[in-house]
Amino acid sequence: MGDSDLTGLVNVGRAVARYFERIGITRVEQLAGRDPVELYERMSAAYGQRLDPCLLDTVMSAVEQAEGGPGRPWWHYTPERRRILAGGDGS
């Protein structure tokens, strides 16, 4: 996986890479240390609508991989995403 190729991440295809690019993220290294919820909220704002919550699962996966974690399927993050969104983090 090259640092500049977002599609080298598990779960990130061309469509998801476009969501990242829309908010100025074009390299894997830009994801390390970022808040996935904040990135998802920025993506939604950039598109003027609430995007599919499963995209947040994918963003969570991408950030974890950028930080050296394993490439897990996006649905691995669904329970955590549901907890986060149900908790009303103030976003």
N, C-alpha and C. Protein backbone atom coordinates (compact mmCIF):
# COMPACT_ATOMS: atom_id res chain seq x y z
N MET A 1 0.85 -1.18 0.00
CA MET A 1 0.00 0.00 0.00
C MET A 1 0.89 1.23 0.00
N GLY A 2 0.77 2.08 -1.01
CA GLY A 2 1.52 3.33 -1.03
C GLY A 2 0.83 4.36 -0.16
N ASP A 3 1.62 5.19 0.50
CA ASP A 3 1.05 6.20 1.38
C ASP A 3 0.12 7.16 0.65
N SER A 4 0.31 7.31 -0.65
CA SER A 4 -0.51 8.27 -1.39
C SER A 4 -1.74 7.63 -2.01
N ASP A 5 -1.94 6.36 -1.82
CA ASP A 5 -3.05 5.67 -2.48
C ASP A 5 -4.10 5.25 -1.46
N LEU A 6 -5.14 6.08 -1.31
CA LEU A 6 -6.21 5.76 -0.36
C LEU A 6 -6.90 4.45 -0.71
N THR A 7 -6.97 4.12 -2.00
CA THR A 7 -7.65 2.89 -2.38
C THR A 7 -6.85 1.65 -2.01
N GLY A 8 -5.63 1.83 -1.52
CA GLY A 8 -4.86 0.70 -1.00
C GLY A 8 -5.34 0.25 0.36
N LEU A 9 -6.20 1.05 0.99
CA LEU A 9 -6.77 0.68 2.29
C LEU A 9 -7.92 -0.30 2.09
N VAL A 10 -8.06 -1.22 3.01
CA VAL A 10 -9.22 -2.13 2.98
C VAL A 10 -10.48 -1.28 3.11
N ASN A 11 -11.49 -1.57 2.36
CA ASN A 11 -12.81 -0.91 2.36
C ASN A 11 -12.85 0.40 1.58
N VAL A 12 -11.73 0.89 1.09
CA VAL A 12 -11.72 2.18 0.39
C VAL A 12 -11.53 1.95 -1.11
N GLY A 13 -12.63 2.13 -1.81
CA GLY A 13 -12.58 2.07 -3.27
C GLY A 13 -12.57 3.48 -3.83
N ARG A 14 -12.78 3.59 -5.12
CA ARG A 14 -12.72 4.90 -5.76
C ARG A 14 -13.79 5.84 -5.23
N ALA A 15 -15.00 5.33 -4.97
CA ALA A 15 -16.08 6.21 -4.50
C ALA A 15 -15.75 6.78 -3.12
N VAL A 16 -15.28 5.94 -2.21
CA VAL A 16 -14.94 6.42 -0.87
C VAL A 16 -13.73 7.36 -0.94
N ALA A 17 -12.77 7.05 -1.80
CA ALA A 17 -11.62 7.94 -1.97
C ALA A 17 -12.09 9.33 -2.40
N ARG A 18 -13.14 9.40 -3.23
CA ARG A 18 -13.67 10.71 -3.65
C ARG A 18 -14.25 11.47 -2.47
N TYR A 19 -14.90 10.76 -1.53
CA TYR A 19 -15.42 11.44 -0.33
C TYR A 19 -14.26 12.06 0.45
N PHE A 20 -13.19 11.32 0.61
CA PHE A 20 -12.01 11.85 1.31
C PHE A 20 -11.43 13.04 0.55
N GLU A 21 -11.29 12.90 -0.76
CA GLU A 21 -10.70 13.96 -1.57
C GLU A 21 -11.52 15.24 -1.50
N ARG A 22 -12.83 15.10 -1.39
CA ARG A 22 -13.73 16.26 -1.32
C ARG A 22 -13.43 17.12 -0.09
N ILE A 23 -12.88 16.50 0.97
CA ILE A 23 -12.54 17.27 2.18
C ILE A 23 -11.03 17.46 2.31
N GLY A 24 -10.32 17.28 1.21
CA GLY A 24 -8.90 17.59 1.17
C GLY A 24 -7.96 16.49 1.61
N ILE A 25 -8.46 15.27 1.78
CA ILE A 25 -7.59 14.16 2.17
C ILE A 25 -7.30 13.33 0.94
N THR A 26 -6.01 13.31 0.58
CA THR A 26 -5.61 12.59 -0.63
C THR A 26 -4.54 11.54 -0.35
N ARG A 27 -4.04 11.51 0.90
CA ARG A 27 -2.99 10.55 1.25
C ARG A 27 -3.33 9.85 2.55
N VAL A 28 -2.97 8.59 2.64
CA VAL A 28 -3.23 7.78 3.83
C VAL A 28 -2.67 8.46 5.07
N GLU A 29 -1.48 9.01 4.97
CA GLU A 29 -0.84 9.60 6.16
C GLU A 29 -1.66 10.75 6.75
N GLN A 30 -2.53 11.38 5.95
CA GLN A 30 -3.36 12.47 6.45
C GLN A 30 -4.47 11.98 7.38
N LEU A 31 -4.71 10.69 7.41
CA LEU A 31 -5.78 10.14 8.24
C LEU A 31 -5.33 9.84 9.67
N ALA A 32 -4.05 9.60 9.86
CA ALA A 32 -3.54 9.23 11.19
C ALA A 32 -3.84 10.34 12.19
N GLY A 33 -4.38 9.94 13.34
CA GLY A 33 -4.67 10.86 14.42
C GLY A 33 -5.94 11.68 14.24
N ARG A 34 -6.69 11.41 13.19
CA ARG A 34 -7.91 12.18 12.94
C ARG A 34 -9.10 11.53 13.63
N ASP A 35 -10.12 12.33 13.88
CA ASP A 35 -11.38 11.87 14.48
C ASP A 35 -12.30 11.42 13.35
N PRO A 36 -12.62 10.12 13.28
CA PRO A 36 -13.47 9.64 12.19
C PRO A 36 -14.83 10.32 12.13
N VAL A 37 -15.42 10.62 13.29
CA VAL A 37 -16.74 11.27 13.30
C VAL A 37 -16.63 12.66 12.68
N GLU A 38 -15.59 13.38 13.03
CA GLU A 38 -15.39 14.73 12.48
C GLU A 38 -15.19 14.65 10.97
N LEU A 39 -14.42 13.67 10.49
CA LEU A 39 -14.22 13.51 9.05
C LEU A 39 -15.54 13.20 8.35
N TYR A 40 -16.33 12.30 8.94
CA TYR A 40 -17.64 11.94 8.37
C TYR A 40 -18.56 13.16 8.33
N GLU A 41 -18.57 13.95 9.41
CA GLU A 41 -19.40 15.16 9.45
C GLU A 41 -18.97 16.15 8.38
N ARG A 42 -17.66 16.29 8.18
CA ARG A 42 -17.16 17.18 7.14
C ARG A 42 -17.57 16.68 5.75
N MET A 43 -17.52 15.37 5.55
CA MET A 43 -17.95 14.80 4.27
C MET A 43 -19.43 15.11 4.04
N SER A 44 -20.25 14.88 5.05
CA SER A 44 -21.68 15.15 4.92
C SER A 44 -21.92 16.62 4.59
N ALA A 45 -21.22 17.52 5.30
CA ALA A 45 -21.38 18.95 5.04
C ALA A 45 -20.95 19.30 3.62
N ALA A 46 -19.88 18.69 3.15
CA ALA A 46 -19.38 18.97 1.80
C ALA A 46 -20.39 18.57 0.74
N TYR A 47 -21.18 17.54 1.03
CA TYR A 47 -22.18 17.07 0.06
C TYR A 47 -23.56 17.65 0.35
N GLY A 48 -23.69 18.44 1.42
CA GLY A 48 -24.96 19.09 1.72
C GLY A 48 -26.06 18.16 2.19
N GLN A 49 -25.67 16.99 2.68
CA GLN A 49 -26.66 16.03 3.18
C GLN A 49 -25.99 15.03 4.09
N ARG A 50 -26.78 14.42 4.96
CA ARG A 50 -26.26 13.38 5.82
C ARG A 50 -25.97 12.16 4.95
N LEU A 51 -24.72 11.77 4.90
CA LEU A 51 -24.33 10.61 4.09
C LEU A 51 -24.63 9.32 4.84
N ASP A 52 -24.64 8.22 4.12
CA ASP A 52 -24.92 6.90 4.70
C ASP A 52 -24.02 6.68 5.91
N PRO A 53 -24.62 6.32 7.06
CA PRO A 53 -23.81 6.09 8.27
C PRO A 53 -22.77 4.98 8.09
N CYS A 54 -22.98 4.07 7.16
CA CYS A 54 -21.98 3.03 6.92
C CYS A 54 -20.68 3.62 6.42
N LEU A 55 -20.75 4.82 5.83
CA LEU A 55 -19.52 5.51 5.43
C LEU A 55 -18.66 5.79 6.65
N LEU A 56 -19.30 6.11 7.78
CA LEU A 56 -18.53 6.34 9.01
C LEU A 56 -17.78 5.08 9.41
N ASP A 57 -18.40 3.92 9.24
CA ASP A 57 -17.70 2.66 9.53
C ASP A 57 -16.42 2.56 8.70
N THR A 58 -16.53 2.92 7.44
CA THR A 58 -15.39 2.86 6.54
C THR A 58 -14.32 3.88 6.93
N VAL A 59 -14.75 5.07 7.33
CA VAL A 59 -13.81 6.09 7.78
C VAL A 59 -13.08 5.62 9.04
N MET A 60 -13.81 5.00 9.96
CA MET A 60 -13.19 4.46 11.18
C MET A 60 -12.12 3.43 10.82
N SER A 61 -12.45 2.57 9.87
CA SER A 61 -11.50 1.56 9.41
C SER A 61 -10.27 2.20 8.79
N ALA A 62 -10.49 3.21 7.95
CA ALA A 62 -9.37 3.86 7.26
C ALA A 62 -8.43 4.55 8.24
N VAL A 63 -9.00 5.23 9.24
CA VAL A 63 -8.17 5.92 10.23
C VAL A 63 -7.36 4.89 11.02
N GLU A 64 -8.00 3.80 11.42
CA GLU A 64 -7.28 2.78 12.18
C GLU A 64 -6.12 2.20 11.36
N GLN A 65 -6.36 1.96 10.09
CA GLN A 65 -5.29 1.43 9.23
C GLN A 65 -4.17 2.45 9.06
N ALA A 66 -4.52 3.72 8.92
CA ALA A 66 -3.50 4.76 8.76
C ALA A 66 -2.62 4.85 10.01
N GLU A 67 -3.17 4.44 11.15
CA GLU A 67 -2.43 4.46 12.40
C GLU A 67 -1.71 3.13 12.67
N GLY A 68 -1.69 2.26 11.66
CA GLY A 68 -0.96 1.00 11.78
C GLY A 68 -1.80 -0.19 12.19
N GLY A 69 -3.10 0.01 12.33
CA GLY A 69 -3.99 -1.08 12.72
C GLY A 69 -4.30 -2.01 11.56
N PRO A 70 -4.99 -3.09 11.86
CA PRO A 70 -5.33 -4.07 10.82
C PRO A 70 -6.43 -3.58 9.89
N GLY A 71 -6.44 -4.13 8.70
CA GLY A 71 -7.49 -3.83 7.74
C GLY A 71 -8.67 -4.76 7.98
N ARG A 72 -9.63 -4.28 8.75
CA ARG A 72 -10.82 -5.10 9.08
C ARG A 72 -11.98 -4.69 8.17
N PRO A 73 -12.94 -5.60 8.00
CA PRO A 73 -14.12 -5.25 7.20
C PRO A 73 -14.87 -4.09 7.85
N TRP A 74 -15.49 -3.23 7.03
CA TRP A 74 -16.17 -2.05 7.55
C TRP A 74 -17.22 -2.40 8.59
N TRP A 75 -17.90 -3.54 8.42
CA TRP A 75 -18.99 -3.88 9.35
C TRP A 75 -18.47 -4.23 10.75
N HIS A 76 -17.20 -4.44 10.89
CA HIS A 76 -16.60 -4.65 12.21
C HIS A 76 -16.83 -3.40 13.09
N TYR A 77 -16.94 -2.23 12.46
CA TYR A 77 -17.05 -0.96 13.17
C TYR A 77 -18.49 -0.53 13.41
N THR A 78 -19.46 -1.24 12.84
CA THR A 78 -20.86 -0.84 12.96
C THR A 78 -21.33 -0.73 14.41
N PRO A 79 -21.07 -1.71 15.30
CA PRO A 79 -21.53 -1.56 16.69
C PRO A 79 -20.95 -0.32 17.38
N GLU A 80 -19.68 -0.06 17.15
CA GLU A 80 -19.04 1.12 17.75
C GLU A 80 -19.65 2.40 17.19
N ARG A 81 -19.86 2.44 15.89
CA ARG A 81 -20.48 3.62 15.26
C ARG A 81 -21.87 3.86 15.83
N ARG A 82 -22.63 2.80 16.02
CA ARG A 82 -23.98 2.96 16.58
C ARG A 82 -23.93 3.51 17.99
N ARG A 83 -22.96 3.04 18.78
CA ARG A 83 -22.80 3.57 20.13
C ARG A 83 -22.43 5.05 20.10
N ILE A 84 -21.52 5.41 19.21
CA ILE A 84 -21.09 6.81 19.11
C ILE A 84 -22.26 7.71 18.71
N LEU A 85 -22.98 7.32 17.69
CA LEU A 85 -24.07 8.16 17.21
C LEU A 85 -25.23 8.21 18.19
N ALA A 86 -25.49 7.13 18.89
CA ALA A 86 -26.56 7.11 19.89
C ALA A 86 -26.20 7.98 21.10
N GLY A 87 -24.89 8.12 21.34
CA GLY A 87 -24.45 8.90 22.49
C GLY A 87 -24.55 10.40 22.29
N GLY A 88 -24.84 10.83 21.06
CA GLY A 88 -24.96 12.25 20.81
C GLY A 88 -23.70 13.00 21.20
N ASP A 89 -22.66 12.89 20.39
CA ASP A 89 -21.38 13.49 20.72
C ASP A 89 -21.33 14.99 20.51
N GLY A 90 -22.48 15.60 20.20
CA GLY A 90 -22.51 17.04 20.06
C GLY A 90 -22.13 17.57 18.69
N SER A 91 -21.88 16.68 17.75
CA SER A 91 -21.48 17.12 16.41
C SER A 91 -22.66 17.76 15.69
